[in-house]
Amino acid sequence: MYKLFCDSNCELWHTEAEKFGLGVIRMPYVLDGEEYYYDLGKETDFSHFYTRMREGAVPTTSAINEQNYIDYFEPVLKEGQDIYYITFSHKLSATFESMDRAISALKEKYPEREIRTFDTKSISLGAGFQVRMAAEKYLAGASMDELDAYLTTVREHTVVYFVVDDLIYLKRGGGLSAPTAAFGKLLGIKPLITVTKEGSLQSVGKIKGSKKVFAEFISLMRKHGFDKNYRVEVLQADCPEIGDAFVAALKEAFGDDLTIDYQVVGPVIASHCGPGTLGLIFYGNK
């Protein structure tokens, strides 16, 4: 018997995590000097967070420490259960160094128990997309070996794209120089970002003007052989009008029977992409 874990950087909505009985490792962010741990939207004040960002506040994020992981995992091990933790991309955070130390310590203390992790090599609902599908198998009685095989396949087909509204947030992360960021905003250029197979973020193009974003996203879905049998994930960072319009455009392009999960970007991820971000995740066959 094992317990399935994810972390809040997968951004699966709290009702879904509760429905599947998932253990959730909450990732921290700091806003106006106060530290919070993202709860997958259960009690998050999104309005306050985004208002402060638009007013100029600069939220920050950090890795959790070894003891944090021990506090999450040890009670489960004490109960005689194993652990299977589906993580966001190890390429995007130093937190997994702490995780590895915690797991090593716990394996020494509980040698009869197994702790297994799976790197989705993705972030936000790119990871959540995989977590949900794995959780369905978990509830159906899948073993950890079966989850390994299943997730390895799903990971290869998980496609993630997003555009940001203001390049300043990428600049703060060191990806752009200040002049480039200012020039991009002046021209209305939106960088198109994807998550690589290795789990890193990569700029793969530039879209000039908001009106062209929808068409580009839909074109990419067709290019990747979008499989309508799977859900589509749409995320918006404090731009619900744009998100609503994009959902409508997707249904116009692919039919009203398209299954779409549509939600707001959480504070940890939004600290790095900023308000106005629009994200798309889907299952691609090529």
C-alpha atoms as a PDB file:
ATOM      1  CA  MET A   1       0.000   0.000   0.000  1.00  0.00           C
ATOM      2  CA  TYR A   2       1.297   3.459  -0.858  1.00  0.00           C
ATOM      3  CA  LYS A   3       0.320   7.122  -0.614  1.00  0.00           C
ATOM      4  CA  LEU A   4       0.373   9.313  -3.735  1.00  0.00           C
ATOM      5  CA  PHE A   5       1.927  12.774  -3.335  1.00  0.00           C
ATOM      6  CA  CYS A   6       2.211  15.832  -5.541  1.00  0.00           C
ATOM      7  CA  ASP A   7       3.297  19.416  -4.853  1.00  0.00           C
ATOM      8  CA  SER A   8       1.411  22.660  -5.229  1.00  0.00           C
ATOM      9  CA  ASN A   9       3.571  23.682  -8.182  1.00  0.00           C
ATOM     10  CA  CYS A  10       1.547  21.183 -10.207  1.00  0.00           C
ATOM     11  CA  GLU A  11      -1.387  23.600  -9.683  1.00  0.00           C
ATOM     12  CA  LEU A  12      -4.020  20.872  -9.713  1.00  0.00           C
ATOM     13  CA  TRP A  13      -7.051  22.546  -8.123  1.00  0.00           C
ATOM     14  CA  HIS A  14      -7.565  21.742  -4.420  1.00  0.00           C
ATOM     15  CA  THR A  15     -10.909  20.010  -5.014  1.00  0.00           C
ATOM     16  CA  GLU A  16      -9.240  17.599  -7.434  1.00  0.00           C
ATOM     17  CA  ALA A  17      -6.390  16.862  -5.016  1.00  0.00           C
ATOM     18  CA  GLU A  18      -8.918  16.181  -2.272  1.00  0.00           C
ATOM     19  CA  LYS A  19     -11.042  13.988  -4.526  1.00  0.00           C
ATOM     20  CA  PHE A  20      -8.041  11.799  -5.318  1.00  0.00           C
ATOM     21  CA  GLY A  21      -6.815  11.732  -1.715  1.00  0.00           C
ATOM     22  CA  LEU A  22      -3.422  13.176  -2.650  1.00  0.00           C
ATOM     23  CA  GLY A  23      -0.768  14.272  -0.212  1.00  0.00           C
ATOM     24  CA  VAL A  24       0.166  17.814  -1.256  1.00  0.00           C
ATOM     25  CA  ILE A  25       3.542  19.421  -0.546  1.00  0.00           C
ATOM     26  CA  ARG A  26       2.904  23.163  -0.382  1.00  0.00           C
ATOM     27  CA  MET A  27       5.496  25.397  -2.014  1.00  0.00           C
ATOM     28  CA  PRO A  28       6.282  28.809  -0.473  1.00  0.00           C
ATOM     29  CA  TYR A  29       6.186  32.372  -1.714  1.00  0.00           C
ATOM     30  CA  VAL A  30       6.787  35.693   0.013  1.00  0.00           C
ATOM     31  CA  LEU A  31       4.668  38.792  -0.642  1.00  0.00           C
ATOM     32  CA  ASP A  32       5.259  42.096   1.167  1.00  0.00           C
ATOM     33  CA  GLY A  33       7.551  40.371   3.646  1.00  0.00           C
ATOM     34  CA  GLU A  34       5.014  37.692   4.641  1.00  0.00           C
ATOM     35  CA  GLU A  35       5.534  34.025   3.777  1.00  0.00           C
ATOM     36  CA  TYR A  36       2.681  31.906   2.425  1.00  0.00           C
ATOM     37  CA  TYR A  37       2.388  28.281   1.304  1.00  0.00           C
ATOM     38  CA  TYR A  38       0.225  27.764  -1.763  1.00  0.00           C
ATOM     39  CA  ASP A  39      -2.845  25.635  -0.962  1.00  0.00           C
ATOM     40  CA  LEU A  40      -4.000  24.951  -4.540  1.00  0.00           C
ATOM     41  CA  GLY A  41      -6.526  27.765  -4.357  1.00  0.00           C
ATOM     42  CA  LYS A  42      -8.443  26.635  -1.283  1.00  0.00           C
ATOM     43  CA  GLU A  43      -8.031  29.851   0.699  1.00  0.00           C
ATOM     44  CA  THR A  44      -5.736  31.840  -1.584  1.00  0.00           C
ATOM     45  CA  ASP A  45      -6.527  35.537  -2.005  1.00  0.00           C
ATOM     46  CA  PHE A  46      -5.758  35.781  -5.711  1.00  0.00           C
ATOM     47  CA  SER A  47      -7.222  39.276  -5.972  1.00  0.00           C
ATOM     48  CA  HIS A  48      -4.870  40.655  -3.316  1.00  0.00           C
ATOM     49  CA  PHE A  49      -1.857  38.871  -4.771  1.00  0.00           C
ATOM     50  CA  TYR A  50      -2.344  40.121  -8.328  1.00  0.00           C
ATOM     51  CA  THR A  51      -3.349  43.604  -7.207  1.00  0.00           C
ATOM     52  CA  ARG A  52      -0.097  43.928  -5.291  1.00  0.00           C
ATOM     53  CA  MET A  53       1.892  42.657  -8.278  1.00  0.00           C
ATOM     54  CA  ARG A  54       0.271  45.216 -10.558  1.00  0.00           C
ATOM     55  CA  GLU A  55       1.028  47.890  -7.938  1.00  0.00           C
ATOM     56  CA  GLY A  56       4.700  46.991  -8.098  1.00  0.00           C
ATOM     57  CA  ALA A  57       5.188  44.416  -5.328  1.00  0.00           C
ATOM     58  CA  VAL A  58       7.810  41.799  -6.165  1.00  0.00           C
ATOM     59  CA  PRO A  59       6.885  38.383  -4.736  1.00  0.00           C
ATOM     60  CA  THR A  60       9.683  35.860  -4.328  1.00  0.00           C
ATOM     61  CA  THR A  61       9.830  32.092  -4.098  1.00  0.00           C
ATOM     62  CA  SER A  62      12.229  29.682  -2.441  1.00  0.00           C
ATOM     63  CA  ALA A  63      12.986  25.997  -2.001  1.00  0.00           C
ATOM     64  CA  ILE A  64      11.652  24.151   1.019  1.00  0.00           C
ATOM     65  CA  ASN A  65      14.176  22.463   3.280  1.00  0.00           C
ATOM     66  CA  GLU A  66      14.994  18.878   4.180  1.00  0.00           C
ATOM     67  CA  GLN A  67      12.945  18.945   7.369  1.00  0.00           C
ATOM     68  CA  ASN A  68       9.870  20.115   5.478  1.00  0.00           C
ATOM     69  CA  TYR A  69       9.985  16.993   3.322  1.00  0.00           C
ATOM     70  CA  ILE A  70      10.520  14.794   6.375  1.00  0.00           C
ATOM     71  CA  ASP A  71       7.490  16.375   8.048  1.00  0.00           C
ATOM     72  CA  TYR A  72       5.337  15.490   5.024  1.00  0.00           C
ATOM     73  CA  PHE A  73       6.645  11.970   4.485  1.00  0.00           C
ATOM     74  CA  GLU A  74       7.437  10.513   7.906  1.00  0.00           C
ATOM     75  CA  PRO A  75       3.857  10.244   9.231  1.00  0.00           C
ATOM     76  CA  VAL A  76       2.946   8.177   6.166  1.00  0.00           C
ATOM     77  CA  LEU A  77       5.941   5.902   6.607  1.00  0.00           C
ATOM     78  CA  LYS A  78       5.113   5.466  10.296  1.00  0.00           C
ATOM     79  CA  GLU A  79       1.671   4.232   9.283  1.00  0.00           C
ATOM     80  CA  GLY A  80       3.330   1.477   7.251  1.00  0.00           C
ATOM     81  CA  GLN A  81       2.677   2.972   3.820  1.00  0.00           C
ATOM     82  CA  ASP A  82       5.109   3.548   0.969  1.00  0.00           C
ATOM     83  CA  ILE A  83       5.299   6.867  -0.908  1.00  0.00           C
ATOM     84  CA  TYR A  84       5.069   7.788  -4.580  1.00  0.00           C
ATOM     85  CA  TYR A  85       5.732  11.498  -5.180  1.00  0.00           C
ATOM     86  CA  ILE A  86       5.050  13.063  -8.596  1.00  0.00           C
ATOM     87  CA  THR A  87       7.182  16.218  -8.787  1.00  0.00           C
ATOM     88  CA  PHE A  88       7.437  19.295 -10.945  1.00  0.00           C
ATOM     89  CA  SER A  89      10.576  19.579 -13.091  1.00  0.00           C
ATOM     90  CA  HIS A  90      13.823  19.021 -11.219  1.00  0.00           C
ATOM     91  CA  LYS A  91      15.505  21.406 -13.683  1.00  0.00           C
ATOM     92  CA  LEU A  92      13.510  24.338 -12.318  1.00  0.00           C
ATOM     93  CA  SER A  93      14.327  24.310  -8.603  1.00  0.00           C
ATOM     94  CA  ALA A  94      17.006  23.519  -6.053  1.00  0.00           C
ATOM     95  CA  THR A  95      14.325  22.136  -3.728  1.00  0.00           C
ATOM     96  CA  PHE A  96      14.976  18.595  -4.934  1.00  0.00           C
ATOM     97  CA  GLU A  97      18.438  18.596  -3.379  1.00  0.00           C
ATOM     98  CA  SER A  98      16.663  18.929  -0.025  1.00  0.00           C
ATOM     99  CA  MET A  99      14.186  16.257  -1.072  1.00  0.00           C
ATOM    100  CA  ASP A 100      16.973  13.806  -1.914  1.00  0.00           C
ATOM    101  CA  ARG A 101      18.622  14.366   1.472  1.00  0.00           C
ATOM    102  CA  ALA A 102      15.316  13.862   3.254  1.00  0.00           C
ATOM    103  CA  ILE A 103      14.587  10.648   1.368  1.00  0.00           C
ATOM    104  CA  SER A 104      18.053   9.281   2.131  1.00  0.00           C
ATOM    105  CA  ALA A 105      17.567   9.986   5.842  1.00  0.00           C
ATOM    106  CA  LEU A 106      14.103   8.442   5.862  1.00  0.00           C
ATOM    107  CA  LYS A 107      15.242   5.313   4.029  1.00  0.00           C
ATOM    108  CA  GLU A 108      17.857   4.753   6.728  1.00  0.00           C
ATOM    109  CA  LYS A 109      15.212   5.149   9.412  1.00  0.00           C
ATOM    110  CA  TYR A 110      12.542   3.105   7.597  1.00  0.00           C
ATOM    111  CA  PRO A 111      14.489   0.570   5.497  1.00  0.00           C
ATOM    112  CA  GLU A 112      11.413  -1.590   4.970  1.00  0.00           C
ATOM    113  CA  ARG A 113       9.507   1.242   3.278  1.00  0.00           C
ATOM    114  CA  GLU A 114       9.821   2.445  -0.324  1.00  0.00           C
ATOM    115  CA  ILE A 115       9.908   6.097  -1.394  1.00  0.00           C
ATOM    116  CA  ARG A 116       9.696   6.595  -5.122  1.00  0.00           C
ATOM    117  CA  THR A 117       9.610   9.854  -7.104  1.00  0.00           C
ATOM    118  CA  PHE A 118       8.674  10.680 -10.684  1.00  0.00           C
ATOM    119  CA  ASP A 119       9.897  13.832 -12.429  1.00  0.00           C
ATOM    120  CA  THR A 120       7.152  15.150 -14.731  1.00  0.00           C
ATOM    121  CA  LYS A 121       9.765  17.410 -16.363  1.00  0.00           C
ATOM    122  CA  SER A 122       7.073  20.065 -16.400  1.00  0.00           C
ATOM    123  CA  ILE A 123       5.551  22.810 -14.285  1.00  0.00           C
ATOM    124  CA  SER A 124       2.132  24.220 -13.367  1.00  0.00           C
ATOM    125  CA  LEU A 125      -0.678  22.227 -14.982  1.00  0.00           C
ATOM    126  CA  GLY A 126       1.883  20.601 -17.269  1.00  0.00           C
ATOM    127  CA  ALA A 127       2.725  18.631 -14.126  1.00  0.00           C
ATOM    128  CA  GLY A 128      -0.876  18.667 -12.885  1.00  0.00           C
ATOM    129  CA  PHE A 129      -2.049  17.150 -16.171  1.00  0.00           C
ATOM    130  CA  GLN A 130       0.162  14.142 -15.423  1.00  0.00           C
ATOM    131  CA  VAL A 131      -0.760  14.046 -11.730  1.00  0.00           C
ATOM    132  CA  ARG A 132      -4.482  13.850 -12.486  1.00  0.00           C
ATOM    133  CA  MET A 133      -4.052  11.002 -14.951  1.00  0.00           C
ATOM    134  CA  ALA A 134      -1.808   9.111 -12.542  1.00  0.00           C
ATOM    135  CA  ALA A 135      -4.266   9.696  -9.686  1.00  0.00           C
ATOM    136  CA  GLU A 136      -7.046   8.074 -11.705  1.00  0.00           C
ATOM    137  CA  LYS A 137      -4.845   5.003 -12.136  1.00  0.00           C
ATOM    138  CA  TYR A 138      -3.889   5.137  -8.455  1.00  0.00           C
ATOM    139  CA  LEU A 139      -7.526   5.031  -7.362  1.00  0.00           C
ATOM    140  CA  ALA A 140      -8.086   2.144  -9.767  1.00  0.00           C
ATOM    141  CA  GLY A 141      -5.414   0.150  -7.926  1.00  0.00           C
ATOM    142  CA  ALA A 142      -2.305   0.651 -10.079  1.00  0.00           C
ATOM    143  CA  SER A 143       1.004  -0.444  -8.562  1.00  0.00           C
ATOM    144  CA  MET A 144       4.002   1.891  -8.389  1.00  0.00           C
ATOM    145  CA  ASP A 145       5.628  -0.006 -11.263  1.00  0.00           C
ATOM    146  CA  GLU A 146       2.478   0.466 -13.325  1.00  0.00           C
ATOM    147  CA  LEU A 147       2.453   4.188 -12.515  1.00  0.00           C
ATOM    148  CA  ASP A 148       6.095   4.455 -13.590  1.00  0.00           C
ATOM    149  CA  ALA A 149       5.327   2.937 -16.982  1.00  0.00           C
ATOM    150  CA  TYR A 150       2.119   4.924 -17.466  1.00  0.00           C
ATOM    151  CA  LEU A 151       3.591   8.283 -16.464  1.00  0.00           C
ATOM    152  CA  THR A 152       6.653   7.763 -18.664  1.00  0.00           C
ATOM    153  CA  THR A 153       4.309   7.527 -21.647  1.00  0.00           C
ATOM    154  CA  VAL A 154       2.091  10.434 -20.582  1.00  0.00           C
ATOM    155  CA  ARG A 155       5.124  12.646 -19.972  1.00  0.00           C
ATOM    156  CA  GLU A 156       6.301  12.133 -23.553  1.00  0.00           C
ATOM    157  CA  HIS A 157       2.945  13.385 -24.839  1.00  0.00           C
ATOM    158  CA  THR A 158       2.478  16.361 -22.485  1.00  0.00           C
ATOM    159  CA  VAL A 159       2.799  19.608 -24.444  1.00  0.00           C
ATOM    160  CA  VAL A 160       3.091  22.978 -22.684  1.00  0.00           C
ATOM    161  CA  TYR A 161       3.054  26.478 -24.161  1.00  0.00           C
ATOM    162  CA  PHE A 162       2.507  29.878 -22.602  1.00  0.00           C
ATOM    163  CA  VAL A 163       2.857  33.557 -23.415  1.00  0.00           C
ATOM    164  CA  VAL A 164       3.538  36.347 -20.933  1.00  0.00           C
ATOM    165  CA  ASP A 165       2.084  39.837 -21.031  1.00  0.00           C
ATOM    166  CA  ASP A 166       5.045  41.718 -19.625  1.00  0.00           C
ATOM    167  CA  LEU A 167       8.658  40.674 -20.216  1.00  0.00           C
ATOM    168  CA  ILE A 168       9.793  42.339 -16.981  1.00  0.00           C
ATOM    169  CA  TYR A 169       9.145  39.156 -14.993  1.00  0.00           C
ATOM    170  CA  LEU A 170      11.369  37.117 -17.262  1.00  0.00           C
ATOM    171  CA  LYS A 171      13.982  39.863 -16.991  1.00  0.00           C
ATOM    172  CA  ARG A 172      13.927  39.620 -13.207  1.00  0.00           C
ATOM    173  CA  GLY A 173      14.658  35.932 -13.570  1.00  0.00           C
ATOM    174  CA  GLY A 174      17.730  36.735 -15.650  1.00  0.00           C
ATOM    175  CA  GLY A 175      16.365  35.561 -18.995  1.00  0.00           C
ATOM    176  CA  LEU A 176      16.251  39.007 -20.629  1.00  0.00           C
ATOM    177  CA  SER A 177      18.196  42.240 -20.422  1.00  0.00           C
ATOM    178  CA  ALA A 178      16.359  45.371 -19.265  1.00  0.00           C
ATOM    179  CA  PRO A 179      16.543  47.096 -22.705  1.00  0.00           C
ATOM    180  CA  THR A 180      15.199  43.960 -24.424  1.00  0.00           C
ATOM    181  CA  ALA A 181      12.301  43.720 -21.982  1.00  0.00           C
ATOM    182  CA  ALA A 182      11.361  47.384 -22.392  1.00  0.00           C
ATOM    183  CA  PHE A 183      11.633  47.167 -26.195  1.00  0.00           C
ATOM    184  CA  GLY A 184       9.454  44.061 -26.292  1.00  0.00           C
ATOM    185  CA  LYS A 185       6.714  45.684 -24.262  1.00  0.00           C
ATOM    186  CA  LEU A 186       6.789  48.802 -26.419  1.00  0.00           C
ATOM    187  CA  LEU A 187       6.192  46.732 -29.549  1.00  0.00           C
ATOM    188  CA  GLY A 188       3.559  44.512 -27.956  1.00  0.00           C
ATOM    189  CA  ILE A 189       5.692  41.408 -28.435  1.00  0.00           C
ATOM    190  CA  LYS A 190       4.754  38.334 -26.431  1.00  0.00           C
ATOM    191  CA  PRO A 191       7.415  35.633 -26.090  1.00  0.00           C
ATOM    192  CA  LEU A 192       6.178  32.089 -26.707  1.00  0.00           C
ATOM    193  CA  ILE A 193       7.656  29.715 -24.119  1.00  0.00           C
ATOM    194  CA  THR A 194       7.598  25.930 -23.977  1.00  0.00           C
ATOM    195  CA  VAL A 195       8.845  23.263 -21.582  1.00  0.00           C
ATOM    196  CA  THR A 196      11.508  21.089 -23.194  1.00  0.00           C
ATOM    197  CA  LYS A 197      11.704  17.308 -22.908  1.00  0.00           C
ATOM    198  CA  GLU A 198      14.530  17.834 -20.391  1.00  0.00           C
ATOM    199  CA  GLY A 199      12.238  19.944 -18.187  1.00  0.00           C
ATOM    200  CA  SER A 200      13.682  23.396 -18.858  1.00  0.00           C
ATOM    201  CA  LEU A 201      11.916  26.514 -20.124  1.00  0.00           C
ATOM    202  CA  GLN A 202      12.745  27.625 -23.653  1.00  0.00           C
ATOM    203  CA  SER A 203      11.646  30.588 -25.748  1.00  0.00           C
ATOM    204  CA  VAL A 204      10.513  29.269 -29.126  1.00  0.00           C
ATOM    205  CA  GLY A 205       9.081  32.343 -30.786  1.00  0.00           C
ATOM    206  CA  LYS A 206       7.540  35.785 -30.488  1.00  0.00           C
ATOM    207  CA  ILE A 207       3.949  36.753 -31.145  1.00  0.00           C
ATOM    208  CA  LYS A 208       3.132  40.364 -31.932  1.00  0.00           C
ATOM    209  CA  GLY A 209      -0.265  41.351 -30.598  1.00  0.00           C
ATOM    210  CA  SER A 210      -2.766  39.577 -28.384  1.00  0.00           C
ATOM    211  CA  LYS A 211      -5.132  38.722 -31.233  1.00  0.00           C
ATOM    212  CA  LYS A 212      -2.574  36.402 -32.825  1.00  0.00           C
ATOM    213  CA  VAL A 213      -1.987  34.333 -29.673  1.00  0.00           C
ATOM    214  CA  PHE A 214      -5.161  32.238 -29.994  1.00  0.00           C
ATOM    215  CA  ALA A 215      -4.475  31.393 -33.625  1.00  0.00           C
ATOM    216  CA  GLU A 216      -0.874  30.435 -32.815  1.00  0.00           C
ATOM    217  CA  PHE A 217      -1.933  28.183 -29.933  1.00  0.00           C
ATOM    218  CA  ILE A 218      -4.559  26.418 -32.060  1.00  0.00           C
ATOM    219  CA  SER A 219      -2.024  25.990 -34.851  1.00  0.00           C
ATOM    220  CA  LEU A 220       0.422  24.412 -32.410  1.00  0.00           C
ATOM    221  CA  MET A 221      -2.238  21.987 -31.196  1.00  0.00           C
ATOM    222  CA  ARG A 222      -2.801  20.807 -34.755  1.00  0.00           C
ATOM    223  CA  LYS A 223       0.930  20.655 -35.424  1.00  0.00           C
ATOM    224  CA  HIS A 224       1.448  18.404 -32.382  1.00  0.00           C
ATOM    225  CA  GLY A 225      -1.442  16.119 -33.309  1.00  0.00           C
ATOM    226  CA  PHE A 226      -3.670  17.177 -30.408  1.00  0.00           C
ATOM    227  CA  ASP A 227      -5.655  14.209 -29.097  1.00  0.00           C
ATOM    228  CA  LYS A 228      -9.209  15.227 -28.249  1.00  0.00           C
ATOM    229  CA  ASN A 229      -9.683  12.149 -26.067  1.00  0.00           C
ATOM    230  CA  TYR A 230      -7.670  13.905 -23.366  1.00  0.00           C
ATOM    231  CA  ARG A 231      -8.399  17.042 -21.370  1.00  0.00           C
ATOM    232  CA  VAL A 232      -7.039  20.466 -22.293  1.00  0.00           C
ATOM    233  CA  GLU A 233      -5.638  22.707 -19.566  1.00  0.00           C
ATOM    234  CA  VAL A 234      -5.988  26.491 -19.860  1.00  0.00           C
ATOM    235  CA  LEU A 235      -4.456  28.881 -17.346  1.00  0.00           C
ATOM    236  CA  GLN A 236      -4.783  32.637 -17.016  1.00  0.00           C
ATOM    237  CA  ALA A 237      -2.891  34.938 -14.662  1.00  0.00           C
ATOM    238  CA  ASP A 238      -5.363  37.671 -13.702  1.00  0.00           C
ATOM    239  CA  CYS A 239      -6.653  38.068 -17.265  1.00  0.00           C
ATOM    240  CA  PRO A 240     -10.028  36.265 -17.160  1.00  0.00           C
ATOM    241  CA  GLU A 241     -11.426  38.082 -20.198  1.00  0.00           C
ATOM    242  CA  ILE A 242      -8.575  36.757 -22.333  1.00  0.00           C
ATOM    243  CA  GLY A 243      -8.891  33.308 -20.779  1.00  0.00           C
ATOM    244  CA  ASP A 244     -12.641  33.217 -21.395  1.00  0.00           C
ATOM    245  CA  ALA A 245     -12.168  34.261 -25.006  1.00  0.00           C
ATOM    246  CA  PHE A 246      -9.487  31.607 -25.524  1.00  0.00           C
ATOM    247  CA  VAL A 247     -11.719  28.864 -24.116  1.00  0.00           C
ATOM    248  CA  ALA A 248     -14.433  29.981 -26.539  1.00  0.00           C
ATOM    249  CA  ALA A 249     -11.928  29.941 -29.419  1.00  0.00           C
ATOM    250  CA  LEU A 250     -10.840  26.397 -28.521  1.00  0.00           C
ATOM    251  CA  LYS A 251     -14.432  25.152 -28.538  1.00  0.00           C
ATOM    252  CA  GLU A 252     -15.072  26.871 -31.846  1.00  0.00           C
ATOM    253  CA  ALA A 253     -11.987  25.191 -33.322  1.00  0.00           C
ATOM    254  CA  PHE A 254     -12.397  21.707 -31.825  1.00  0.00           C
ATOM    255  CA  GLY A 255     -16.065  21.407 -30.791  1.00  0.00           C
ATOM    256  CA  ASP A 256     -18.223  22.097 -27.758  1.00  0.00           C
ATOM    257  CA  ASP A 257     -17.558  18.601 -26.431  1.00  0.00           C
ATOM    258  CA  LEU A 258     -13.912  19.489 -25.746  1.00  0.00           C
ATOM    259  CA  THR A 259     -13.051  18.862 -22.077  1.00  0.00           C
ATOM    260  CA  ILE A 260     -11.272  21.944 -20.730  1.00  0.00           C
ATOM    261  CA  ASP A 261      -9.910  22.542 -17.239  1.00  0.00           C
ATOM    262  CA  TYR A 262      -9.714  26.302 -16.845  1.00  0.00           C
ATOM    263  CA  GLN A 263      -8.255  28.083 -13.840  1.00  0.00           C
ATOM    264  CA  VAL A 264      -6.118  30.903 -12.497  1.00  0.00           C
ATOM    265  CA  VAL A 265      -2.322  30.678 -12.163  1.00  0.00           C
ATOM    266  CA  GLY A 266      -1.238  30.339  -8.538  1.00  0.00           C
ATOM    267  CA  PRO A 267       1.073  32.794  -6.746  1.00  0.00           C
ATOM    268  CA  VAL A 268       4.249  30.686  -6.878  1.00  0.00           C
ATOM    269  CA  ILE A 269       4.158  30.286 -10.658  1.00  0.00           C
ATOM    270  CA  ALA A 270       2.784  33.808 -11.181  1.00  0.00           C
ATOM    271  CA  SER A 271       5.775  35.234  -9.312  1.00  0.00           C
ATOM    272  CA  HIS A 272       7.874  34.113 -12.280  1.00  0.00           C
ATOM    273  CA  CYS A 273       5.524  34.768 -15.207  1.00  0.00           C
ATOM    274  CA  GLY A 274       3.483  37.763 -14.027  1.00  0.00           C
ATOM    275  CA  PRO A 275      -0.099  38.943 -14.578  1.00  0.00           C
ATOM    276  CA  GLY A 276      -1.469  38.552 -18.091  1.00  0.00           C
ATOM    277  CA  THR A 277       0.094  35.150 -18.743  1.00  0.00           C
ATOM    278  CA  LEU A 278      -1.952  32.666 -20.776  1.00  0.00           C
ATOM    279  CA  GLY A 279      -1.027  28.986 -20.695  1.00  0.00           C
ATOM    280  CA  LEU A 280      -2.040  25.892 -22.665  1.00  0.00           C
ATOM    281  CA  ILE A 281      -1.383  22.206 -21.920  1.00  0.00           C
ATOM    282  CA  PHE A 282      -2.590  19.277 -24.021  1.00  0.00           C
ATOM    283  CA  TYR A 283      -1.849  15.697 -25.070  1.00  0.00           C
ATOM    284  CA  GLY A 284       0.014  15.630 -28.362  1.00  0.00           C
ATOM    285  CA  ASN A 285       0.625  12.600 -30.573  1.00  0.00           C
ATOM    286  CA  LYS A 286       3.654  14.110 -32.328  1.00  0.00           C
END
